[in-house]
């Protein structure tokens, strides 16, 4: 028996020694490279990470293969290691000598498509890169409505192992949405649900809108919007599905949303459940108050979970998870109790943050909006903040964030998928009329996300009968990598009502208040910084030159001087507090801003100006009806021992006091309004839908405006002013109409002054036009 045991142990020992000799790392005595044609042997060996004399084991072999793969120089790589000789067999990827593109009708220009292709002449052609580019081109065409597009590649061999890569695109017809149907919607009408989704049926009013094109991503997004709408309206178990029917001509589709509404639920009791002893449930109970007969609202419950999480994290409990659990009441088929469960969350961390969909936008432009970094603990709130930050970028149409677990670890990869806007460049024309300038016209242009940097360039040229203006602005959302928003503004304004005709007191009114010429050149620079989630600070500097002369009238020249030549050197500062719900088109919330401008850091003009603005918005009936109140107060006074120049006195424009073209201090003898040192306006307006198609964004409104201009610093002219230093309130009421054509607004208003002075200038009808 003992002999048998000893023999067994000997066998096991020999087996282990044999196995160890197999897996033991052997030393590399020589390295040979086979299959290379263009790439030097030494260059390949330098990438291996090993050299003669080093030990080689399976792990290092795997590292070598991965390293050579990531160089993207090789189509295939394999290793042989026999008797100390390491043989590296490579098949070089072909060298791309030229990239060509053939599209049958050119609906998307070749220039645009070539910017999307990441494979360039001089690159090695790798299969995975080729497939990625085919997918990118396909998705671009599908987003433009070419649902049946086919993208293929053709590779032609040329001398010296090179290839010419050609992408061939068969576009097919552009597919529009002919009809949108809803099935199963017993509670809400088709019209109501149509207002919830983004996609629209093609019609005369939206023929240029991308939302009328069939796009799978848009359909999925609309299903999510419908789901959210129902679950925020009591239908907690609602499910949405869709089907698409392609027309025989393959140029349009009928989309059907199938809705399973299920029951409508009301909230019962809200309570907490936790096994964490340090949590004070009484302190958190303030978030659980709910009125009787409150409809189930998924968004509200999520908000409660987030508020509880915020409180706990402030107490140092960072790894907690708060989620609702539903309990149906046995005695009621329509009431559900909600239990907010609090427990410790397993530590989950971020390994990589990957961004896709940014064919134009540079990676760093998106990354600076991301509120987490690689290695951070995964935070749902920070990911929501990230999504909100990216969504606010004017050149991003859509963003989605998902997490992919990393196998056998506590790490996740965060995938940020964006959809860039298509209309990043635009031109516009607008026109208008008022009694002072007569007909006016302007041309404007805008280029958003310039070269993928996130920068915005816009400019405008405006021309009236005897005036013109030009301006150009450049906005950098991350100026010099500082996190500040930088704005550079160049401008010129010219006005010349003067002619060679002699002026008499009887004919002076023909100038309609324009008694002097202007020739203004200037430049300004401004930086904005987000101080907290809602506070924004602004600091800027402007320098401008203003030269001109007045008409030949004794009183006019007594007030304005015969000529003027001013140099302004202005420092501006402002603080803004923004609690509105949307950065671009707010519906609810409020905004307050205080600004101060000081002219006198050099230059010839000295003054101090203060501005205060407040805006309040409240919407009703699913945000269809919006009430807005806006008020503004401005004050200007002389500084450093100087009085305010007449040219710098404050006036109120028709934008803020509709129905009037001029109010405030006035010299009666020559019918001249000079402005005042104080101005105040306030507007209350109610916007309502008027039944036109949603894509027109049409709103009717009723409004009331009030305002006044008063006060004066120029002692030499105060005695001639009848209205100086008096707060005489003006008021008007009216109706307005605003709608969009191809994304540009057309605005009309009709205002009737209800409180005025007899010498005020009235203009009841006003409009502005804009179109691309």
Foldseek 3Di string as FASTA:
>chain_A
DVVVVVVVVVVVVVVVVVVCVVQPWDFAQEEAEPADDPDDPVVLVVQLPDDGGDTDGPVSLVVSLVSVVVVQQFQDWDWDADPNYIYIYTHGAAAAQEEAEAEPPCPDPPVVLVLLQPDGHGGGDYPVSVVVSQVLVQQVLVLQQQPVKDWDWDWAADPPRHTHIYIYIYRAAREFAAAEAEAPPPPDDPVVLVLQAQADDDDPQCPPPSSRGDHPVSVVVSQVSVLLVLQQQQQVPKHKDKDWDADPSRHYIYIYIYIDRPDGAFEDFEEEDEPDVPDDRVVLCVLGDDDPRHTRGPVSQVVSQVVVQVVVVVVVLNQKGWDWDWDDDPVDPHYIYIYIYIDGHDFAFAAAEAEDQCSQADPVVLVVLQQDDHGHTDDPVSVVSSLVSVCQQPFWDHKDWDWADDPPDRYIYIYIYTHTHDPQKDKKKKWWADPQQGIKIKIKIKGACVRNQRKIKMKMWMDTDFKIKIKIKIWHCQPVVNNKIKMKMWMWIWGDPDDPDADDLVRLCVNVQCFKIKTKTKMKMKIWHDPDPFKIKMKMKMKMWIWIAGHPDDVVCLQQNGIDIWIWIKIKIKMKGFDFDHDPDGAFDKMKMKMKMFTDPDIDAGKIKIKIKMKGWHADDVSQKMKIKIKMKMFMAGPPPDGHRLQPADWDPCVQAPFFHGAEWAQVSRGHDSHARMKMKMKIKMWHDDPDDVQFVKTKMKMKMKMYTEADGPPVCVVRTPGHPDGFMKMKIWMKMWTDRNRWIKIKIAIDIPGDDPSTGTDGIIIMDMDD
